[in-house]
């Protein structure tokens, strides 16, 4: 997770700003704050699998009391993460995301090879990762139109000097 710096600007109307490294490349959300979006880049890319395993590791190490969420960035350079804690907070730490994200994570997480490498236990209520079925020899599977239209991705605004939030 890249660092964010607080910069003092005494001659400016807004005397403080946050500053972070400019991320060049395709900006990807590996996990989202609401936990409802199942993202194929999260599940199938190496960076996405590592993010999911990191979430699982944090969840297990804190006994389900804390979850790092909203993992997003370019490659393995992540920025602007969120923290979900149990209703009263984890060891006094109050997160910035709903406790429901923890429940959604527990229900939707699919362990991957990095979870196995870390020796993480499968989560109660989690769905096992479905295996891809091998195509039948000599037959082409029927194509089913999804009926879903996708809009082109909106480019992400650079995160240079932006006024800090109070």
N, C-alpha and C. Protein backbone atom coordinates (compact mmCIF):
# COMPACT_ATOMS: atom_id res chain seq x y z
N UNK A 1 0.87 -1.16 0.00
CA UNK A 1 0.00 0.00 0.00
C UNK A 1 0.91 1.22 0.00
N UNK A 2 0.76 2.06 -1.01
CA UNK A 2 1.66 3.21 -1.13
C UNK A 2 1.34 4.24 -0.04
N UNK A 3 2.38 4.93 0.42
CA UNK A 3 2.15 5.92 1.48
C UNK A 3 1.47 7.18 0.95
N UNK A 4 0.75 7.83 1.84
CA UNK A 4 0.12 9.11 1.55
C UNK A 4 0.76 10.11 2.51
N UNK A 5 1.18 11.25 1.98
CA UNK A 5 1.86 12.26 2.78
C UNK A 5 0.96 13.47 2.99
N UNK A 6 1.01 14.02 4.17
CA UNK A 6 0.30 15.25 4.48
C UNK A 6 1.29 16.39 4.28
N UNK A 7 0.92 17.32 3.41
CA UNK A 7 1.81 18.43 3.05
C UNK A 7 1.21 19.73 3.57
N UNK A 8 2.04 20.56 4.20
CA UNK A 8 1.59 21.87 4.69
C UNK A 8 1.84 22.90 3.60
N UNK A 9 0.81 23.71 3.32
CA UNK A 9 0.90 24.77 2.30
C UNK A 9 0.44 26.07 2.93
N UNK A 10 1.31 26.75 3.70
CA UNK A 10 0.88 27.92 4.48
C UNK A 10 0.38 29.10 3.64
N UNK A 11 0.84 29.26 2.42
CA UNK A 11 0.43 30.39 1.60
C UNK A 11 -0.86 30.12 0.84
N UNK A 12 -1.46 28.97 1.04
CA UNK A 12 -2.65 28.58 0.29
C UNK A 12 -3.90 28.72 1.14
N UNK A 13 -5.05 28.91 0.49
CA UNK A 13 -6.32 28.99 1.19
C UNK A 13 -6.61 27.69 1.95
N UNK A 14 -6.25 26.56 1.38
CA UNK A 14 -6.35 25.26 2.06
C UNK A 14 -4.93 24.91 2.50
N UNK A 15 -4.62 25.05 3.79
CA UNK A 15 -3.23 24.95 4.24
C UNK A 15 -2.63 23.55 4.24
N UNK A 16 -3.44 22.51 4.05
CA UNK A 16 -2.92 21.15 4.04
C UNK A 16 -3.45 20.41 2.83
N UNK A 17 -2.66 19.46 2.33
CA UNK A 17 -3.07 18.62 1.21
C UNK A 17 -2.44 17.25 1.40
N UNK A 18 -3.03 16.25 0.76
CA UNK A 18 -2.42 14.93 0.75
C UNK A 18 -1.75 14.72 -0.60
N UNK A 19 -0.68 13.97 -0.57
CA UNK A 19 0.12 13.74 -1.77
C UNK A 19 0.52 12.29 -1.80
N UNK A 20 0.41 11.67 -2.97
CA UNK A 20 0.87 10.29 -3.12
C UNK A 20 1.44 10.11 -4.51
N UNK A 21 2.12 9.00 -4.68
CA UNK A 21 2.75 8.66 -5.96
C UNK A 21 1.70 8.59 -7.06
N UNK A 22 2.05 9.09 -8.25
CA UNK A 22 1.17 8.99 -9.41
C UNK A 22 1.24 7.56 -9.92
N UNK A 23 0.10 6.90 -10.05
CA UNK A 23 0.06 5.53 -10.53
C UNK A 23 -0.26 5.53 -12.02
N UNK A 24 0.65 5.03 -12.81
CA UNK A 24 0.46 4.97 -14.25
C UNK A 24 0.12 3.54 -14.65
N UNK A 25 -0.87 3.39 -15.49
CA UNK A 25 -1.28 2.07 -15.95
C UNK A 25 -2.76 1.87 -15.70
N UNK A 26 -3.19 0.62 -15.87
CA UNK A 26 -4.61 0.29 -15.70
C UNK A 26 -4.95 0.21 -14.23
N UNK A 27 -5.86 1.07 -13.79
CA UNK A 27 -6.31 1.11 -12.41
C UNK A 27 -7.39 0.05 -12.23
N UNK A 28 -7.19 -0.84 -11.26
CA UNK A 28 -8.11 -1.97 -11.06
C UNK A 28 -8.58 -1.98 -9.62
N UNK A 29 -9.86 -2.27 -9.42
CA UNK A 29 -10.42 -2.47 -8.08
C UNK A 29 -10.42 -3.97 -7.83
N UNK A 30 -9.56 -4.41 -6.89
CA UNK A 30 -9.48 -5.83 -6.57
C UNK A 30 -10.51 -6.24 -5.54
N UNK A 31 -10.97 -5.32 -4.75
CA UNK A 31 -12.09 -5.55 -3.84
C UNK A 31 -12.80 -4.23 -3.70
N UNK A 32 -14.08 -4.30 -3.50
CA UNK A 32 -14.85 -3.06 -3.42
C UNK A 32 -15.41 -2.89 -2.02
N UNK A 33 -15.77 -1.66 -1.68
CA UNK A 33 -16.23 -1.37 -0.33
C UNK A 33 -17.55 -2.03 0.02
N UNK A 34 -18.40 -2.26 -0.97
CA UNK A 34 -19.70 -2.83 -0.62
C UNK A 34 -19.70 -4.36 -0.67
N UNK A 35 -18.64 -4.98 -1.17
CA UNK A 35 -18.52 -6.43 -1.13
C UNK A 35 -19.44 -7.17 -2.08
N UNK A 36 -20.26 -6.48 -2.86
CA UNK A 36 -21.24 -7.17 -3.70
C UNK A 36 -20.69 -7.50 -5.08
N UNK A 37 -19.72 -6.78 -5.55
CA UNK A 37 -19.22 -6.96 -6.90
C UNK A 37 -18.22 -8.10 -6.95
N UNK A 38 -18.50 -9.10 -7.75
CA UNK A 38 -17.52 -10.17 -7.97
C UNK A 38 -16.72 -9.78 -9.19
N UNK A 39 -15.45 -9.57 -9.02
CA UNK A 39 -14.58 -9.02 -10.04
C UNK A 39 -13.66 -10.12 -10.56
N UNK A 40 -13.72 -10.41 -11.86
CA UNK A 40 -12.90 -11.47 -12.42
C UNK A 40 -11.41 -11.15 -12.34
N UNK A 41 -11.03 -9.86 -12.44
CA UNK A 41 -9.61 -9.51 -12.29
C UNK A 41 -9.14 -9.83 -10.88
N UNK A 42 -10.02 -9.67 -9.91
CA UNK A 42 -9.68 -9.99 -8.53
C UNK A 42 -9.45 -11.49 -8.40
N UNK A 43 -10.31 -12.27 -9.00
CA UNK A 43 -10.25 -13.71 -8.83
C UNK A 43 -9.18 -14.37 -9.70
N UNK A 44 -8.96 -13.86 -10.89
CA UNK A 44 -8.10 -14.55 -11.85
C UNK A 44 -6.70 -13.97 -12.01
N UNK A 45 -6.45 -12.73 -11.63
CA UNK A 45 -5.11 -12.17 -11.78
C UNK A 45 -4.28 -12.48 -10.54
N UNK A 46 -2.97 -12.50 -10.71
CA UNK A 46 -2.08 -12.77 -9.59
C UNK A 46 -2.23 -11.69 -8.52
N UNK A 47 -2.26 -10.42 -8.93
CA UNK A 47 -2.41 -9.33 -7.97
C UNK A 47 -3.74 -9.45 -7.24
N UNK A 48 -4.80 -9.78 -7.95
CA UNK A 48 -6.11 -9.94 -7.33
C UNK A 48 -6.15 -11.08 -6.33
N UNK A 49 -5.51 -12.19 -6.67
CA UNK A 49 -5.47 -13.33 -5.75
C UNK A 49 -4.68 -12.98 -4.49
N UNK A 50 -3.59 -12.24 -4.66
CA UNK A 50 -2.80 -11.83 -3.50
C UNK A 50 -3.59 -10.88 -2.60
N UNK A 51 -4.37 -9.98 -3.20
CA UNK A 51 -5.21 -9.07 -2.41
C UNK A 51 -6.24 -9.85 -1.62
N UNK A 52 -6.89 -10.83 -2.26
CA UNK A 52 -7.89 -11.65 -1.56
C UNK A 52 -7.24 -12.44 -0.43
N UNK A 53 -6.04 -12.96 -0.66
CA UNK A 53 -5.34 -13.71 0.38
C UNK A 53 -4.94 -12.80 1.52
N UNK A 54 -4.53 -11.56 1.20
CA UNK A 54 -4.19 -10.60 2.25
C UNK A 54 -5.42 -10.31 3.11
N UNK A 55 -6.56 -10.11 2.47
CA UNK A 55 -7.80 -9.89 3.22
C UNK A 55 -8.08 -11.08 4.14
N UNK A 56 -7.93 -12.29 3.60
CA UNK A 56 -8.19 -13.50 4.38
C UNK A 56 -7.23 -13.58 5.56
N UNK A 57 -5.95 -13.26 5.33
CA UNK A 57 -4.93 -13.30 6.38
C UNK A 57 -5.28 -12.32 7.51
N UNK A 58 -5.63 -11.08 7.14
CA UNK A 58 -6.00 -10.07 8.14
C UNK A 58 -7.23 -10.54 8.91
N UNK A 59 -8.21 -11.05 8.20
CA UNK A 59 -9.44 -11.53 8.84
C UNK A 59 -9.10 -12.63 9.85
N UNK A 60 -8.28 -13.59 9.44
CA UNK A 60 -7.93 -14.70 10.34
C UNK A 60 -7.09 -14.24 11.53
N UNK A 61 -6.10 -13.37 11.28
CA UNK A 61 -5.21 -12.90 12.36
C UNK A 61 -5.96 -12.08 13.41
N UNK A 62 -7.05 -11.43 13.01
CA UNK A 62 -7.81 -10.61 13.96
C UNK A 62 -9.05 -11.33 14.47
N UNK A 63 -9.16 -12.63 14.20
CA UNK A 63 -10.32 -13.39 14.64
C UNK A 63 -11.62 -12.88 14.05
N UNK A 64 -11.57 -12.33 12.84
CA UNK A 64 -12.76 -11.80 12.19
C UNK A 64 -13.13 -10.40 12.64
N UNK A 65 -12.27 -9.77 13.43
CA UNK A 65 -12.57 -8.44 13.97
C UNK A 65 -12.25 -7.30 13.04
N UNK A 66 -11.42 -7.53 12.03
CA UNK A 66 -10.98 -6.45 11.15
C UNK A 66 -10.82 -6.99 9.74
N UNK A 67 -11.12 -6.17 8.75
CA UNK A 67 -10.95 -6.55 7.35
C UNK A 67 -10.46 -5.34 6.57
N UNK A 68 -9.38 -5.53 5.83
CA UNK A 68 -8.90 -4.49 4.91
C UNK A 68 -9.70 -4.67 3.63
N UNK A 69 -10.32 -3.60 3.16
CA UNK A 69 -11.18 -3.69 1.99
C UNK A 69 -10.90 -2.53 1.04
N UNK A 70 -11.61 -2.49 -0.04
CA UNK A 70 -11.45 -1.43 -1.05
C UNK A 70 -10.02 -1.42 -1.59
N UNK A 71 -9.45 -2.61 -1.81
CA UNK A 71 -8.10 -2.72 -2.36
C UNK A 71 -8.15 -2.39 -3.85
N UNK A 72 -7.38 -1.38 -4.24
CA UNK A 72 -7.39 -0.91 -5.62
C UNK A 72 -6.07 -0.27 -5.95
N UNK A 73 -5.73 -0.27 -7.23
CA UNK A 73 -4.48 0.35 -7.64
C UNK A 73 -4.03 -0.14 -9.00
N UNK A 74 -2.72 -0.01 -9.23
CA UNK A 74 -2.10 -0.43 -10.48
C UNK A 74 -1.12 -1.53 -10.13
N UNK A 75 -1.37 -2.72 -10.67
CA UNK A 75 -0.52 -3.86 -10.32
C UNK A 75 -0.58 -4.11 -8.83
N UNK A 76 0.58 -4.20 -8.19
CA UNK A 76 0.62 -4.42 -6.75
C UNK A 76 0.83 -3.12 -5.98
N UNK A 77 0.71 -1.99 -6.63
CA UNK A 77 0.76 -0.70 -5.93
C UNK A 77 -0.68 -0.31 -5.60
N UNK A 78 -1.02 -0.42 -4.32
CA UNK A 78 -2.40 -0.20 -3.88
C UNK A 78 -2.54 1.13 -3.18
N UNK A 79 -3.73 1.72 -3.30
CA UNK A 79 -3.98 3.03 -2.71
C UNK A 79 -5.40 3.11 -2.15
N UNK A 80 -5.60 4.00 -1.20
CA UNK A 80 -6.93 4.36 -0.71
C UNK A 80 -7.72 3.16 -0.20
N UNK A 81 -7.12 2.34 0.64
CA UNK A 81 -7.80 1.17 1.18
C UNK A 81 -8.79 1.58 2.26
N UNK A 82 -9.73 0.71 2.52
CA UNK A 82 -10.69 0.93 3.60
C UNK A 82 -10.49 -0.12 4.68
N UNK A 83 -11.03 0.16 5.85
CA UNK A 83 -10.95 -0.77 6.98
C UNK A 83 -12.37 -0.99 7.50
N UNK A 84 -12.76 -2.25 7.61
CA UNK A 84 -14.04 -2.60 8.24
C UNK A 84 -13.73 -3.27 9.57
N UNK A 85 -14.45 -2.89 10.61
CA UNK A 85 -14.26 -3.49 11.93
C UNK A 85 -15.61 -3.98 12.44
N UNK A 86 -15.57 -4.83 13.45
CA UNK A 86 -16.81 -5.26 14.08
C UNK A 86 -17.52 -4.02 14.64
N UNK A 87 -18.80 -4.12 14.94
CA UNK A 87 -19.64 -2.99 15.31
C UNK A 87 -19.00 -2.04 16.33
N UNK A 88 -18.34 -2.57 17.36
CA UNK A 88 -17.75 -1.71 18.38
C UNK A 88 -16.29 -1.42 18.10
N UNK A 89 -15.80 -1.86 16.96
CA UNK A 89 -14.40 -1.64 16.62
C UNK A 89 -13.54 -2.78 17.09
N UNK A 90 -12.38 -2.89 16.49
CA UNK A 90 -11.43 -3.93 16.83
C UNK A 90 -10.37 -3.32 17.72
N UNK A 91 -10.31 -3.74 18.97
CA UNK A 91 -9.33 -3.23 19.94
C UNK A 91 -9.35 -1.70 19.98
N UNK A 92 -10.55 -1.13 19.91
CA UNK A 92 -10.70 0.31 20.01
C UNK A 92 -10.55 1.06 18.69
N UNK A 93 -10.17 0.37 17.60
CA UNK A 93 -9.99 1.02 16.32
C UNK A 93 -11.32 1.06 15.60
N UNK A 94 -11.74 2.23 15.19
CA UNK A 94 -13.00 2.37 14.47
C UNK A 94 -12.69 2.47 12.98
N UNK A 95 -13.24 1.57 12.20
CA UNK A 95 -12.99 1.55 10.76
C UNK A 95 -13.84 2.55 10.02
N UNK A 96 -13.64 2.60 8.70
CA UNK A 96 -14.39 3.53 7.86
C UNK A 96 -15.35 2.80 6.93
N UNK A 97 -15.58 1.50 7.17
CA UNK A 97 -16.49 0.71 6.35
C UNK A 97 -17.45 -0.05 7.26
N UNK A 98 -18.57 -0.43 6.73
CA UNK A 98 -19.61 -1.13 7.49
C UNK A 98 -19.16 -2.53 7.91
N UNK A 99 -19.67 -2.98 9.05
CA UNK A 99 -19.40 -4.33 9.53
C UNK A 99 -19.97 -5.37 8.56
N UNK A 100 -20.97 -4.98 7.77
CA UNK A 100 -21.56 -5.93 6.81
C UNK A 100 -20.53 -6.37 5.77
N UNK A 101 -19.49 -5.57 5.53
CA UNK A 101 -18.44 -5.97 4.58
C UNK A 101 -17.72 -7.21 5.07
N UNK A 102 -17.56 -7.33 6.38
CA UNK A 102 -16.90 -8.50 6.95
C UNK A 102 -17.77 -9.73 6.70
N UNK A 103 -19.07 -9.60 6.93
CA UNK A 103 -19.99 -10.72 6.70
C UNK A 103 -20.02 -11.11 5.21
N UNK A 104 -20.04 -10.10 4.33
CA UNK A 104 -20.04 -10.37 2.90
C UNK A 104 -18.75 -11.05 2.47
N UNK A 105 -17.62 -10.59 3.00
CA UNK A 105 -16.34 -11.20 2.68
C UNK A 105 -16.36 -12.68 3.09
N UNK A 106 -16.81 -12.94 4.30
CA UNK A 106 -16.84 -14.31 4.81
C UNK A 106 -17.70 -15.20 3.90
N UNK A 107 -18.80 -14.66 3.39
CA UNK A 107 -19.70 -15.44 2.54
C UNK A 107 -19.19 -15.59 1.11
N UNK A 108 -18.50 -14.59 0.58
CA UNK A 108 -18.13 -14.59 -0.83
C UNK A 108 -16.68 -14.98 -1.12
N UNK A 109 -15.82 -14.98 -0.11
CA UNK A 109 -14.40 -15.26 -0.35
C UNK A 109 -14.19 -16.66 -0.93
N UNK A 110 -13.33 -16.72 -1.93
CA UNK A 110 -12.95 -18.00 -2.51
C UNK A 110 -11.45 -18.16 -2.31
N UNK A 111 -11.06 -19.12 -1.49
CA UNK A 111 -9.64 -19.35 -1.24
C UNK A 111 -8.92 -19.66 -2.54
N UNK A 112 -7.65 -19.28 -2.60
CA UNK A 112 -6.85 -19.54 -3.78
C UNK A 112 -5.50 -20.11 -3.35
N UNK A 113 -4.58 -20.24 -4.27
CA UNK A 113 -3.29 -20.88 -3.95
C UNK A 113 -2.49 -20.09 -2.91
N UNK A 114 -2.67 -18.77 -2.86
CA UNK A 114 -1.94 -17.97 -1.87
C UNK A 114 -2.51 -18.19 -0.47
N UNK A 115 -3.80 -18.39 -0.37
CA UNK A 115 -4.41 -18.75 0.92
C UNK A 115 -3.81 -20.07 1.39
N UNK A 116 -3.68 -21.01 0.46
CA UNK A 116 -3.10 -22.32 0.81
C UNK A 116 -1.63 -22.17 1.21
N UNK A 117 -0.86 -21.36 0.48
CA UNK A 117 0.56 -21.14 0.81
C UNK A 117 0.72 -20.56 2.21
N UNK A 118 -0.21 -19.69 2.60
CA UNK A 118 -0.16 -19.06 3.92
C UNK A 118 -0.73 -19.96 5.02
N UNK A 119 -1.27 -21.09 4.63
CA UNK A 119 -1.85 -22.01 5.61
C UNK A 119 -3.13 -21.50 6.22
N UNK A 120 -3.88 -20.68 5.48
CA UNK A 120 -5.13 -20.11 6.01
C UNK A 120 -6.24 -21.15 5.98
N UNK A 121 -7.07 -21.11 6.99
CA UNK A 121 -8.19 -22.04 7.11
C UNK A 121 -9.35 -21.52 6.25
N UNK A 122 -10.09 -22.44 5.59
CA UNK A 122 -11.28 -21.99 4.85
C UNK A 122 -12.25 -21.29 5.79
N UNK A 123 -12.90 -20.25 5.30
CA UNK A 123 -13.82 -19.47 6.12
C UNK A 123 -15.16 -20.18 6.23
N UNK A 124 -15.78 -20.14 7.41
CA UNK A 124 -17.10 -20.75 7.55
C UNK A 124 -18.10 -20.01 6.67
N UNK A 125 -18.84 -20.75 5.88
CA UNK A 125 -19.86 -20.13 5.03
C UNK A 125 -19.31 -19.65 3.70
N UNK A 126 -17.98 -19.73 3.48
CA UNK A 126 -17.40 -19.27 2.21
C UNK A 126 -17.67 -20.31 1.13
N UNK A 127 -17.76 -19.82 -0.09
CA UNK A 127 -17.98 -20.71 -1.22
C UNK A 127 -16.63 -21.22 -1.72
N UNK A 128 -16.48 -22.53 -1.95
CA UNK A 128 -15.22 -23.01 -2.53
C UNK A 128 -15.10 -22.49 -3.95
N UNK A 129 -13.87 -22.29 -4.39
CA UNK A 129 -13.65 -21.78 -5.74
C UNK A 129 -14.07 -22.85 -6.74
N UNK A 130 -14.98 -22.51 -7.67
CA UNK A 130 -15.41 -23.51 -8.64
C UNK A 130 -14.28 -23.84 -9.60
N UNK A 131 -14.19 -25.11 -9.93
CA UNK A 131 -13.18 -25.53 -10.91
C UNK A 131 -13.77 -25.37 -12.30
N UNK A 132 -12.91 -25.01 -13.24
CA UNK A 132 -13.37 -24.86 -14.62
C UNK A 132 -13.55 -26.24 -15.22
N UNK A 133 -14.69 -26.47 -15.82
CA UNK A 133 -14.97 -27.76 -16.45
C UNK A 133 -14.21 -27.84 -17.76
N UNK A 134 -13.65 -29.02 -18.04
CA UNK A 134 -12.94 -29.22 -19.30
C UNK A 134 -13.97 -29.31 -20.41
N UNK A 135 -13.71 -28.65 -21.57
CA UNK A 135 -14.68 -28.71 -22.66
C UNK A 135 -14.76 -30.14 -23.21
N UNK A 136 -15.96 -30.54 -23.63
CA UNK A 136 -16.15 -31.87 -24.21
C UNK A 136 -15.45 -31.92 -25.54
N UNK A 137 -14.80 -33.06 -25.81
CA UNK A 137 -14.06 -33.22 -27.07
C UNK A 137 -15.03 -33.32 -28.23
N UNK A 138 -14.71 -32.60 -29.30
CA UNK A 138 -15.48 -32.68 -30.52
C UNK A 138 -16.77 -31.88 -30.51
N UNK A 139 -17.11 -31.26 -29.42
CA UNK A 139 -18.34 -30.47 -29.36
C UNK A 139 -18.01 -29.05 -28.95
N UNK A 140 -18.64 -28.12 -29.59
CA UNK A 140 -18.51 -26.72 -29.20
C UNK A 140 -19.64 -26.39 -28.25
N UNK A 141 -19.33 -25.79 -27.10
CA UNK A 141 -20.41 -25.44 -26.18
C UNK A 141 -21.31 -24.38 -26.80
N UNK A 142 -22.60 -24.44 -26.56
CA UNK A 142 -23.50 -23.42 -27.13
C UNK A 142 -23.19 -22.06 -26.54
N UNK A 143 -23.27 -21.05 -27.40
CA UNK A 143 -23.02 -19.71 -26.90
C UNK A 143 -24.35 -19.12 -26.46
N UNK A 144 -24.33 -18.50 -25.31
CA UNK A 144 -25.53 -17.90 -24.75
C UNK A 144 -25.29 -16.41 -24.63
N UNK A 145 -26.06 -15.60 -25.36
CA UNK A 145 -25.86 -14.15 -25.23
C UNK A 145 -26.24 -13.70 -23.83
N UNK A 146 -25.42 -12.85 -23.27
CA UNK A 146 -25.68 -12.39 -21.90
C UNK A 146 -26.71 -11.29 -21.85
N UNK A 147 -26.88 -10.56 -22.94
CA UNK A 147 -27.84 -9.46 -22.94
C UNK A 147 -27.34 -8.25 -22.17
N UNK A 148 -26.12 -8.33 -21.65
CA UNK A 148 -25.55 -7.25 -20.86
C UNK A 148 -24.73 -6.34 -21.74
N UNK A 149 -24.96 -5.07 -21.65
CA UNK A 149 -24.14 -4.11 -22.37
C UNK A 149 -23.15 -3.52 -21.40
N UNK A 150 -21.93 -3.35 -21.85
CA UNK A 150 -20.92 -2.76 -20.97
C UNK A 150 -20.49 -1.41 -21.53
N UNK A 151 -20.37 -0.47 -20.65
CA UNK A 151 -19.92 0.87 -21.05
C UNK A 151 -18.42 0.91 -21.01
N UNK A 152 -17.79 1.73 -21.86
CA UNK A 152 -16.33 1.84 -21.80
C UNK A 152 -15.91 2.38 -20.43
N UNK A 153 -14.74 1.92 -19.98
CA UNK A 153 -14.24 2.33 -18.68
C UNK A 153 -13.84 3.80 -18.70
N UNK A 154 -14.25 4.52 -17.67
CA UNK A 154 -13.91 5.93 -17.53
C UNK A 154 -12.48 6.02 -16.99
N UNK A 155 -11.60 6.83 -17.63
CA UNK A 155 -10.23 6.93 -17.11
C UNK A 155 -10.23 7.56 -15.72
N UNK A 156 -9.31 7.12 -14.91
CA UNK A 156 -9.19 7.59 -13.53
C UNK A 156 -8.46 8.92 -13.51
N UNK A 157 -8.96 9.82 -12.70
CA UNK A 157 -8.32 11.12 -12.53
C UNK A 157 -6.98 10.94 -11.80
N UNK A 158 -5.93 11.66 -12.21
CA UNK A 158 -4.67 11.56 -11.48
C UNK A 158 -4.85 12.05 -10.05
N UNK A 159 -4.08 11.49 -9.14
CA UNK A 159 -4.20 11.82 -7.72
C UNK A 159 -3.03 12.67 -7.29
N UNK A 160 -2.85 13.80 -7.88
CA UNK A 160 -1.74 14.68 -7.51
C UNK A 160 -2.04 15.44 -6.24
N UNK A 161 -1.79 16.73 -6.24
CA UNK A 161 -2.07 17.55 -5.08
C UNK A 161 -3.56 17.83 -5.01
N UNK A 162 -4.21 17.22 -4.07
CA UNK A 162 -5.64 17.43 -3.87
C UNK A 162 -5.85 17.92 -2.46
N UNK A 163 -6.77 18.85 -2.25
CA UNK A 163 -7.02 19.31 -0.89
C UNK A 163 -7.39 18.14 0.02
N UNK A 164 -6.91 18.16 1.23
CA UNK A 164 -7.23 17.09 2.16
C UNK A 164 -8.64 17.25 2.67
N UNK A 165 -9.25 16.12 3.02
CA UNK A 165 -10.60 16.11 3.57
C UNK A 165 -10.51 16.45 5.05
N UNK A 166 -11.39 17.32 5.57
CA UNK A 166 -11.33 17.63 7.00
C UNK A 166 -11.80 16.46 7.83
